[in-house]
């Protein structure tokens, strides 16, 4: 009986957790983005009509929600504009101006460097699935090419391109080994990163169908 109740609890948690995280994230966005922005956007409008700006209640929540949507739309619009030459030019001018502002420029450059670093890493992670001879010759492991080796280590590639290969452990793929392997020593597989992860996590029990 207790075992069944425990299983039901786990099942219920799996069902409720995504919804709970979604609601928490929405509340966080509305509280930290919508709340301050709604005062700037709607307070002058209420003043023009000699009406009281709602500080609490459903009206305040609704205004905060609308303000959050507006901010997200503006951010999306900036992302769209940045794809065009004129948009990139305007953003570049803005960055040049803010970099000249004492202290604010330092903060902006630091934050931008951190964001760019994570952005470049996300683009590079798990580019393709490969077989690599590891832990010894004649024994193969599934790995993921993450990027091309750069800097000091690249000179040891013996005139062949070195690639960073992450070989995850089973059944926990969050740990593993980072190896710098010559490109010629890798066997590229057609399976997707998702299928390779299923293979690794299952310990080889879940094998993706061959595309050949």
C-alpha atoms as a PDB file:
ATOM      1  CA  UNK A   1       0.000   0.000   0.000  1.00  0.00           C
ATOM      2  CA  UNK A   2       2.711   2.451   1.000  1.00  0.00           C
ATOM      3  CA  UNK A   3       4.710   1.524  -2.078  1.00  0.00           C
ATOM      4  CA  UNK A   4       1.717   2.323  -4.316  1.00  0.00           C
ATOM      5  CA  UNK A   5       1.177   5.645  -2.560  1.00  0.00           C
ATOM      6  CA  UNK A   6       4.866   6.440  -3.074  1.00  0.00           C
ATOM      7  CA  UNK A   7       4.563   5.662  -6.794  1.00  0.00           C
ATOM      8  CA  UNK A   8       1.435   7.826  -7.031  1.00  0.00           C
ATOM      9  CA  UNK A   9       3.311  10.650  -5.297  1.00  0.00           C
ATOM     10  CA  UNK A  10       6.177  10.420  -7.781  1.00  0.00           C
ATOM     11  CA  UNK A  11       3.755  10.305 -10.717  1.00  0.00           C
ATOM     12  CA  UNK A  12       1.846  13.313  -9.411  1.00  0.00           C
ATOM     13  CA  UNK A  13       5.069  15.240  -8.884  1.00  0.00           C
ATOM     14  CA  UNK A  14       6.169  14.565 -12.456  1.00  0.00           C
ATOM     15  CA  UNK A  15       2.814  15.844 -13.728  1.00  0.00           C
ATOM     16  CA  UNK A  16       2.615  18.917 -11.476  1.00  0.00           C
ATOM     17  CA  UNK A  17       6.272  20.017 -11.579  1.00  0.00           C
ATOM     18  CA  UNK A  18       6.294  21.503 -15.129  1.00  0.00           C
ATOM     19  CA  UNK A  19       3.102  23.462 -14.381  1.00  0.00           C
ATOM     20  CA  UNK A  20       4.491  24.672 -11.047  1.00  0.00           C
ATOM     21  CA  UNK A  21       7.746  25.859 -12.628  1.00  0.00           C
ATOM     22  CA  UNK A  22       5.792  27.621 -15.396  1.00  0.00           C
ATOM     23  CA  UNK A  23       3.557  29.446 -12.891  1.00  0.00           C
ATOM     24  CA  UNK A  24       6.566  30.384 -10.742  1.00  0.00           C
ATOM     25  CA  UNK A  25       8.403  31.770 -13.769  1.00  0.00           C
ATOM     26  CA  UNK A  26       5.366  33.812 -14.847  1.00  0.00           C
ATOM     27  CA  UNK A  27       4.961  35.253 -11.335  1.00  0.00           C
ATOM     28  CA  UNK A  28       8.675  36.092 -11.253  1.00  0.00           C
ATOM     29  CA  UNK A  29       8.499  37.907 -14.612  1.00  0.00           C
ATOM     30  CA  UNK A  30       5.344  39.820 -13.689  1.00  0.00           C
ATOM     31  CA  UNK A  31       6.720  40.841 -10.287  1.00  0.00           C
ATOM     32  CA  UNK A  32      10.207  41.855 -11.444  1.00  0.00           C
ATOM     33  CA  UNK A  33       9.447  43.211 -14.923  1.00  0.00           C
ATOM     34  CA  UNK A  34       5.758  44.041 -15.138  1.00  0.00           C
ATOM     35  CA  UNK A  35       5.448  45.679 -11.729  1.00  0.00           C
ATOM     36  CA  UNK A  36       8.054  48.443 -12.216  1.00  0.00           C
ATOM     37  CA  UNK A  37       7.214  48.956 -15.898  1.00  0.00           C
ATOM     38  CA  UNK A  38       3.452  49.271 -15.342  1.00  0.00           C
ATOM     39  CA  UNK A  39       4.043  52.322 -13.128  1.00  0.00           C
ATOM     40  CA  UNK A  40       6.017  54.008 -15.895  1.00  0.00           C
ATOM     41  CA  UNK A  41       3.595  53.091 -18.666  1.00  0.00           C
ATOM     42  CA  UNK A  42       0.158  53.419 -17.110  1.00  0.00           C
ATOM     43  CA  UNK A  43       0.574  55.884 -14.226  1.00  0.00           C
ATOM     44  CA  UNK A  44       0.708  58.933 -16.569  1.00  0.00           C
ATOM     45  CA  UNK A  45      -2.367  57.661 -18.418  1.00  0.00           C
ATOM     46  CA  UNK A  46      -4.372  57.404 -15.208  1.00  0.00           C
ATOM     47  CA  UNK A  47      -3.169  60.867 -14.202  1.00  0.00           C
ATOM     48  CA  UNK A  48      -4.446  62.393 -17.434  1.00  0.00           C
ATOM     49  CA  UNK A  49      -7.909  60.999 -16.755  1.00  0.00           C
ATOM     50  CA  UNK A  50      -7.805  62.013 -13.070  1.00  0.00           C
ATOM     51  CA  UNK A  51      -8.157  58.359 -12.141  1.00  0.00           C
ATOM     52  CA  UNK A  52      -6.417  56.489  -9.338  1.00  0.00           C
ATOM     53  CA  UNK A  53      -3.695  54.109 -10.449  1.00  0.00           C
ATOM     54  CA  UNK A  54      -4.460  50.698  -8.852  1.00  0.00           C
ATOM     55  CA  UNK A  55      -1.814  49.726  -6.304  1.00  0.00           C
ATOM     56  CA  UNK A  56      -3.321  46.354  -5.413  1.00  0.00           C
ATOM     57  CA  UNK A  57      -5.950  43.908  -6.535  1.00  0.00           C
ATOM     58  CA  UNK A  58      -6.884  42.381  -9.861  1.00  0.00           C
ATOM     59  CA  UNK A  59      -6.434  45.668 -11.721  1.00  0.00           C
ATOM     60  CA  UNK A  60      -2.792  45.950 -10.643  1.00  0.00           C
ATOM     61  CA  UNK A  61      -2.068  42.329 -11.574  1.00  0.00           C
ATOM     62  CA  UNK A  62      -3.675  42.845 -14.990  1.00  0.00           C
ATOM     63  CA  UNK A  63      -1.615  45.977 -15.664  1.00  0.00           C
ATOM     64  CA  UNK A  64       1.576  44.210 -14.555  1.00  0.00           C
ATOM     65  CA  UNK A  65       0.770  41.298 -16.865  1.00  0.00           C
ATOM     66  CA  UNK A  66       0.143  43.639 -19.821  1.00  0.00           C
ATOM     67  CA  UNK A  67       3.408  45.476 -19.063  1.00  0.00           C
ATOM     68  CA  UNK A  68       5.307  42.167 -19.025  1.00  0.00           C
ATOM     69  CA  UNK A  69       3.880  41.243 -22.430  1.00  0.00           C
ATOM     70  CA  UNK A  70       4.851  44.671 -23.792  1.00  0.00           C
ATOM     71  CA  UNK A  71       8.433  44.295 -22.523  1.00  0.00           C
ATOM     72  CA  UNK A  72       8.734  40.808 -24.032  1.00  0.00           C
ATOM     73  CA  UNK A  73       7.390  42.106 -27.362  1.00  0.00           C
ATOM     74  CA  UNK A  74       9.936  44.950 -27.320  1.00  0.00           C
ATOM     75  CA  UNK A  75      12.774  42.503 -26.613  1.00  0.00           C
ATOM     76  CA  UNK A  76      11.531  40.261 -29.447  1.00  0.00           C
ATOM     77  CA  UNK A  77      11.392  43.293 -31.730  1.00  0.00           C
ATOM     78  CA  UNK A  78      15.002  44.170 -30.889  1.00  0.00           C
ATOM     79  CA  UNK A  79      15.996  40.605 -31.754  1.00  0.00           C
ATOM     80  CA  UNK A  80      14.242  40.885 -35.130  1.00  0.00           C
ATOM     81  CA  UNK A  81      15.753  44.305 -35.905  1.00  0.00           C
ATOM     82  CA  UNK A  82      19.248  43.045 -35.021  1.00  0.00           C
ATOM     83  CA  UNK A  83      19.078  40.678 -38.007  1.00  0.00           C
ATOM     84  CA  UNK A  84      19.124  43.628 -40.408  1.00  0.00           C
ATOM     85  CA  UNK A  85      22.072  45.849 -41.290  1.00  0.00           C
ATOM     86  CA  UNK A  86      20.435  49.054 -40.040  1.00  0.00           C
ATOM     87  CA  UNK A  87      19.529  47.395 -36.730  1.00  0.00           C
ATOM     88  CA  UNK A  88      23.054  46.081 -36.223  1.00  0.00           C
ATOM     89  CA  UNK A  89      24.423  49.547 -36.996  1.00  0.00           C
ATOM     90  CA  UNK A  90      22.152  51.211 -34.425  1.00  0.00           C
ATOM     91  CA  UNK A  91      23.064  48.612 -31.792  1.00  0.00           C
ATOM     92  CA  UNK A  92      26.750  49.128 -32.539  1.00  0.00           C
ATOM     93  CA  UNK A  93      26.362  52.906 -32.106  1.00  0.00           C
ATOM     94  CA  UNK A  94      24.537  52.366 -28.811  1.00  0.00           C
ATOM     95  CA  UNK A  95      27.296  50.060 -27.553  1.00  0.00           C
ATOM     96  CA  UNK A  96      29.960  52.595 -28.540  1.00  0.00           C
ATOM     97  CA  UNK A  97      28.170  55.348 -26.635  1.00  0.00           C
ATOM     98  CA  UNK A  98      27.545  53.321 -23.477  1.00  0.00           C
ATOM     99  CA  UNK A  99      31.140  52.048 -23.453  1.00  0.00           C
ATOM    100  CA  UNK A 100      32.306  55.659 -23.159  1.00  0.00           C
ATOM    101  CA  UNK A 101      30.265  56.205 -19.997  1.00  0.00           C
ATOM    102  CA  UNK A 102      32.460  55.723 -16.889  1.00  0.00           C
ATOM    103  CA  UNK A 103      31.542  52.735 -14.709  1.00  0.00           C
ATOM    104  CA  UNK A 104      28.394  52.004 -16.759  1.00  0.00           C
ATOM    105  CA  UNK A 105      30.611  51.045 -19.691  1.00  0.00           C
ATOM    106  CA  UNK A 106      32.614  48.681 -17.480  1.00  0.00           C
ATOM    107  CA  UNK A 107      29.443  46.962 -16.231  1.00  0.00           C
ATOM    108  CA  UNK A 108      28.047  46.699 -19.780  1.00  0.00           C
ATOM    109  CA  UNK A 109      31.261  45.195 -21.191  1.00  0.00           C
ATOM    110  CA  UNK A 110      31.491  42.675 -18.340  1.00  0.00           C
ATOM    111  CA  UNK A 111      27.896  41.509 -18.680  1.00  0.00           C
ATOM    112  CA  UNK A 112      28.149  41.370 -22.489  1.00  0.00           C
ATOM    113  CA  UNK A 113      31.313  39.275 -22.277  1.00  0.00           C
ATOM    114  CA  UNK A 114      29.605  36.784 -19.959  1.00  0.00           C
ATOM    115  CA  UNK A 115      26.503  36.576 -22.182  1.00  0.00           C
ATOM    116  CA  UNK A 116      28.597  36.195 -25.355  1.00  0.00           C
ATOM    117  CA  UNK A 117      30.641  33.442 -23.742  1.00  0.00           C
ATOM    118  CA  UNK A 118      27.574  31.384 -22.827  1.00  0.00           C
ATOM    119  CA  UNK A 119      26.003  32.105 -26.217  1.00  0.00           C
ATOM    120  CA  UNK A 120      29.064  30.860 -28.093  1.00  0.00           C
ATOM    121  CA  UNK A 121      29.267  27.780 -25.872  1.00  0.00           C
ATOM    122  CA  UNK A 122      25.613  26.902 -26.494  1.00  0.00           C
ATOM    123  CA  UNK A 123      26.191  27.102 -30.245  1.00  0.00           C
ATOM    124  CA  UNK A 124      29.252  24.862 -29.992  1.00  0.00           C
ATOM    125  CA  UNK A 125      27.966  22.176 -27.629  1.00  0.00           C
ATOM    126  CA  UNK A 126      27.286  18.765 -29.175  1.00  0.00           C
ATOM    127  CA  UNK A 127      27.765  19.602 -32.848  1.00  0.00           C
ATOM    128  CA  UNK A 128      27.770  15.965 -33.934  1.00  0.00           C
ATOM    129  CA  UNK A 129      27.899  12.386 -32.651  1.00  0.00           C
ATOM    130  CA  UNK A 130      31.084  10.388 -33.164  1.00  0.00           C
ATOM    131  CA  UNK A 131      32.771   7.121 -32.267  1.00  0.00           C
ATOM    132  CA  UNK A 132      36.187   7.467 -30.673  1.00  0.00           C
ATOM    133  CA  UNK A 133      38.618   4.732 -29.660  1.00  0.00           C
ATOM    134  CA  UNK A 134      38.466   5.003 -25.888  1.00  0.00           C
ATOM    135  CA  UNK A 135      39.592   3.884 -23.316  1.00  0.00           C
ATOM    136  CA  UNK A 136      41.998   1.880 -25.503  1.00  0.00           C
ATOM    137  CA  UNK A 137      42.595   1.071 -29.146  1.00  0.00           C
ATOM    138  CA  UNK A 138      39.994  -1.313 -30.552  1.00  0.00           C
ATOM    139  CA  UNK A 139      37.332  -0.284 -27.985  1.00  0.00           C
ATOM    140  CA  UNK A 140      34.888   2.429 -29.063  1.00  0.00           C
ATOM    141  CA  UNK A 141      32.888   4.975 -27.070  1.00  0.00           C
ATOM    142  CA  UNK A 142      30.159   7.353 -28.178  1.00  0.00           C
ATOM    143  CA  UNK A 143      31.216  10.985 -27.941  1.00  0.00           C
ATOM    144  CA  UNK A 144      30.087  14.459 -28.956  1.00  0.00           C
ATOM    145  CA  UNK A 145      32.166  16.944 -30.920  1.00  0.00           C
ATOM    146  CA  UNK A 146      31.870  20.286 -29.118  1.00  0.00           C
ATOM    147  CA  UNK A 147      34.337  22.559 -30.916  1.00  0.00           C
ATOM    148  CA  UNK A 148      37.683  22.872 -32.654  1.00  0.00           C
ATOM    149  CA  UNK A 149      40.729  22.963 -30.399  1.00  0.00           C
ATOM    150  CA  UNK A 150      42.278  26.432 -30.308  1.00  0.00           C
ATOM    151  CA  UNK A 151      45.233  28.074 -28.640  1.00  0.00           C
ATOM    152  CA  UNK A 152      48.301  26.336 -27.302  1.00  0.00           C
ATOM    153  CA  UNK A 153      46.995  22.760 -27.576  1.00  0.00           C
ATOM    154  CA  UNK A 154      46.272  23.017 -31.320  1.00  0.00           C
ATOM    155  CA  UNK A 155      50.023  22.991 -32.144  1.00  0.00           C
ATOM    156  CA  UNK A 156      50.223  19.373 -30.996  1.00  0.00           C
ATOM    157  CA  UNK A 157      47.807  18.200 -33.664  1.00  0.00           C
ATOM    158  CA  UNK A 158      50.571  16.911 -35.959  1.00  0.00           C
ATOM    159  CA  UNK A 159      49.285  18.968 -38.920  1.00  0.00           C
ATOM    160  CA  UNK A 160      45.817  17.494 -38.411  1.00  0.00           C
ATOM    161  CA  UNK A 161      42.844  19.373 -37.009  1.00  0.00           C
ATOM    162  CA  UNK A 162      42.206  18.598 -33.360  1.00  0.00           C
ATOM    163  CA  UNK A 163      38.611  18.510 -32.125  1.00  0.00           C
ATOM    164  CA  UNK A 164      37.254  18.692 -28.599  1.00  0.00           C
ATOM    165  CA  UNK A 165      35.267  15.517 -27.934  1.00  0.00           C
ATOM    166  CA  UNK A 166      33.165  14.988 -24.829  1.00  0.00           C
ATOM    167  CA  UNK A 167      32.659  11.330 -23.889  1.00  0.00           C
ATOM    168  CA  UNK A 168      29.877  11.095 -21.266  1.00  0.00           C
ATOM    169  CA  UNK A 169      29.574   8.396 -18.630  1.00  0.00           C
ATOM    170  CA  UNK A 170      26.684   5.935 -18.274  1.00  0.00           C
ATOM    171  CA  UNK A 171      23.988   6.316 -16.970  1.00  0.00           C
ATOM    172  CA  UNK A 172      24.813   9.878 -15.864  1.00  0.00           C
ATOM    173  CA  UNK A 173      25.806  11.867 -18.985  1.00  0.00           C
ATOM    174  CA  UNK A 174      26.530  15.061 -17.036  1.00  0.00           C
ATOM    175  CA  UNK A 175      30.000  13.747 -16.163  1.00  0.00           C
ATOM    176  CA  UNK A 176      32.567  12.377 -18.551  1.00  0.00           C
ATOM    177  CA  UNK A 177      35.895  12.947 -20.261  1.00  0.00           C
ATOM    178  CA  UNK A 178      37.136  15.771 -22.459  1.00  0.00           C
ATOM    179  CA  UNK A 179      39.573  14.590 -25.128  1.00  0.00           C
ATOM    180  CA  UNK A 180      41.393  16.375 -27.935  1.00  0.00           C
ATOM    181  CA  UNK A 181      41.229  13.984 -30.863  1.00  0.00           C
ATOM    182  CA  UNK A 182      42.572  14.336 -34.439  1.00  0.00           C
ATOM    183  CA  UNK A 183      39.667  14.628 -36.842  1.00  0.00           C
ATOM    184  CA  UNK A 184      40.912  11.691 -38.927  1.00  0.00           C
ATOM    185  CA  UNK A 185      40.567   9.374 -35.894  1.00  0.00           C
ATOM    186  CA  UNK A 186      36.857  10.054 -35.448  1.00  0.00           C
ATOM    187  CA  UNK A 187      33.991   8.068 -36.956  1.00  0.00           C
ATOM    188  CA  UNK A 188      31.002  10.339 -37.560  1.00  0.00           C
ATOM    189  CA  UNK A 189      27.573   8.820 -36.904  1.00  0.00           C
ATOM    190  CA  UNK A 190      24.256   9.792 -38.486  1.00  0.00           C
ATOM    191  CA  UNK A 191      22.246   9.421 -35.267  1.00  0.00           C
ATOM    192  CA  UNK A 192      20.976  12.587 -33.617  1.00  0.00           C
ATOM    193  CA  UNK A 193      22.314  13.942 -30.337  1.00  0.00           C
ATOM    194  CA  UNK A 194      19.014  12.970 -28.681  1.00  0.00           C
ATOM    195  CA  UNK A 195      19.256   9.359 -29.878  1.00  0.00           C
ATOM    196  CA  UNK A 196      22.870   9.154 -28.736  1.00  0.00           C
ATOM    197  CA  UNK A 197      21.853  10.426 -25.289  1.00  0.00           C
ATOM    198  CA  UNK A 198      19.146   7.740 -25.046  1.00  0.00           C
ATOM    199  CA  UNK A 199      21.752   5.126 -25.954  1.00  0.00           C
ATOM    200  CA  UNK A 200      24.147   6.366 -23.274  1.00  0.00           C
ATOM    201  CA  UNK A 201      21.591   6.845 -20.488  1.00  0.00           C
ATOM    202  CA  UNK A 202      20.068   3.410 -21.096  1.00  0.00           C
ATOM    203  CA  UNK A 203      23.459   1.728 -21.021  1.00  0.00           C
ATOM    204  CA  UNK A 204      22.994   0.540 -24.590  1.00  0.00           C
ATOM    205  CA  UNK A 205      19.499  -0.879 -24.053  1.00  0.00           C
ATOM    206  CA  UNK A 206      17.795   1.744 -26.252  1.00  0.00           C
ATOM    207  CA  UNK A 207      19.427   1.576 -29.686  1.00  0.00           C
ATOM    208  CA  UNK A 208      18.301   4.026 -32.423  1.00  0.00           C
ATOM    209  CA  UNK A 209      17.406   2.540 -35.776  1.00  0.00           C
ATOM    210  CA  UNK A 210      20.147   2.713 -38.416  1.00  0.00           C
ATOM    211  CA  UNK A 211      19.513   5.214 -41.216  1.00  0.00           C
ATOM    212  CA  UNK A 212      21.572   3.167 -43.665  1.00  0.00           C
END
